[in-house]
Amino acid sequence: MPSKPDYLSKLSTYNAKHGITATFSEMKKTARRMQKLHDERGPVDLDAFFLDHQDPTGETAVENVLAERAAQNEANAARRLAA
């Protein structure tokens, strides 16, 4: 079985290389999102990930987070109703 990539280490290296300041908690959350994408779609390219997710105003980020939470809530509701 192939081992899962360590996105937290890759993210830490990427941030240091590009001068990105982020708390450990922020990096853990981002690494979890990247792992989730990896599980759904395959390997995640760090440059492409940040280009796809850049958002100077933060409005798109809020919309993305709310959409992600809504999808999780729908999945949880469906799971509860199925039980």
Protein backbone atom coordinates (compact mmCIF):
# COMPACT_ATOMS: atom_id res chain seq x y z
CA MET A 1 0.00 0.00 0.00
CA PRO A 2 1.51 3.38 -0.96
CA SER A 3 2.08 5.76 1.90
CA LYS A 4 0.16 9.01 2.08
CA PRO A 5 2.14 12.17 1.37
CA ASP A 6 3.02 14.39 4.31
CA TYR A 7 1.39 17.63 3.22
CA LEU A 8 2.22 19.38 6.49
CA SER A 9 5.96 19.02 5.85
CA LYS A 10 5.57 19.97 2.19
CA LEU A 11 3.51 22.99 3.19
CA SER A 12 6.05 24.07 5.80
CA THR A 13 8.85 23.89 3.22
CA TYR A 14 6.75 25.74 0.64
CA ASN A 15 5.92 28.51 3.12
CA ALA A 16 9.55 28.96 4.13
CA LYS A 17 10.66 29.05 0.49
CA HIS A 18 8.04 31.64 -0.52
CA GLY A 19 8.12 33.75 2.65
CA ILE A 20 4.57 32.88 3.68
CA THR A 21 3.83 33.39 7.36
CA ALA A 22 1.21 31.06 8.80
CA THR A 23 0.58 29.67 12.23
CA PHE A 24 0.99 25.96 12.86
CA SER A 25 -2.78 25.68 13.26
CA GLU A 26 -3.37 27.31 9.86
CA MET A 27 -0.85 24.99 8.25
CA LYS A 28 -2.49 21.93 9.85
CA LYS A 29 -5.91 22.98 8.54
CA THR A 30 -4.52 23.60 5.07
CA ALA A 31 -2.65 20.28 5.11
CA ARG A 32 -5.88 18.50 6.10
CA ARG A 33 -7.72 20.13 3.19
CA MET A 34 -4.92 19.11 0.84
CA GLN A 35 -5.03 15.53 2.16
CA LYS A 36 -8.79 15.46 1.65
CA LEU A 37 -8.33 16.65 -1.95
CA HIS A 38 -5.60 14.04 -2.41
CA ASP A 39 -7.95 11.31 -1.20
CA GLU A 40 -10.71 12.50 -3.56
CA ARG A 41 -8.76 13.45 -6.69
CA GLY A 42 -5.16 12.32 -6.40
CA PRO A 43 -1.87 14.11 -5.69
CA VAL A 44 -2.06 17.85 -4.99
CA ASP A 45 0.42 20.24 -6.63
CA LEU A 46 1.29 22.95 -4.08
CA ASP A 47 1.71 25.75 -6.64
CA ALA A 48 -1.58 24.93 -8.33
CA PHE A 49 -3.31 24.63 -4.95
CA PHE A 50 -2.27 28.13 -3.91
CA LEU A 51 -3.00 29.65 -7.31
CA ASP A 52 -6.48 28.11 -7.22
CA HIS A 53 -7.07 29.32 -3.66
CA GLN A 54 -5.52 32.80 -3.72
CA ASP A 55 -7.98 35.49 -2.74
CA PRO A 56 -6.75 38.99 -1.88
CA THR A 57 -10.06 40.19 -0.40
CA GLY A 58 -11.01 36.99 1.40
CA GLU A 59 -14.55 36.96 -0.01
CA THR A 60 -14.00 33.87 -2.13
CA ALA A 61 -12.32 32.10 0.78
CA VAL A 62 -15.37 32.71 2.95
CA GLU A 63 -17.67 31.42 0.21
CA ASN A 64 -15.47 28.33 -0.23
CA VAL A 65 -15.46 27.55 3.48
CA LEU A 66 -19.21 28.05 3.77
CA ALA A 67 -19.81 25.83 0.73
CA GLU A 68 -17.51 23.16 2.17
CA ARG A 69 -19.35 23.27 5.50
CA ALA A 70 -22.73 23.13 3.76
CA ALA A 71 -21.63 20.03 1.84
CA GLN A 72 -20.40 18.40 5.06
CA ASN A 73 -23.65 19.29 6.82
CA GLU A 74 -25.69 17.76 3.99
CA ALA A 75 -23.61 14.58 4.08
CA ASN A 76 -23.99 14.37 7.88
CA ALA A 77 -27.76 14.92 7.66
CA ALA A 78 -28.08 12.21 5.00
CA ARG A 79 -26.02 9.84 7.17
CA ARG A 80 -28.21 10.56 10.23
CA LEU A 81 -31.42 10.07 8.25
CA ALA A 82 -30.14 6.78 6.81
CA ALA A 83 -29.46 5.39 10.29
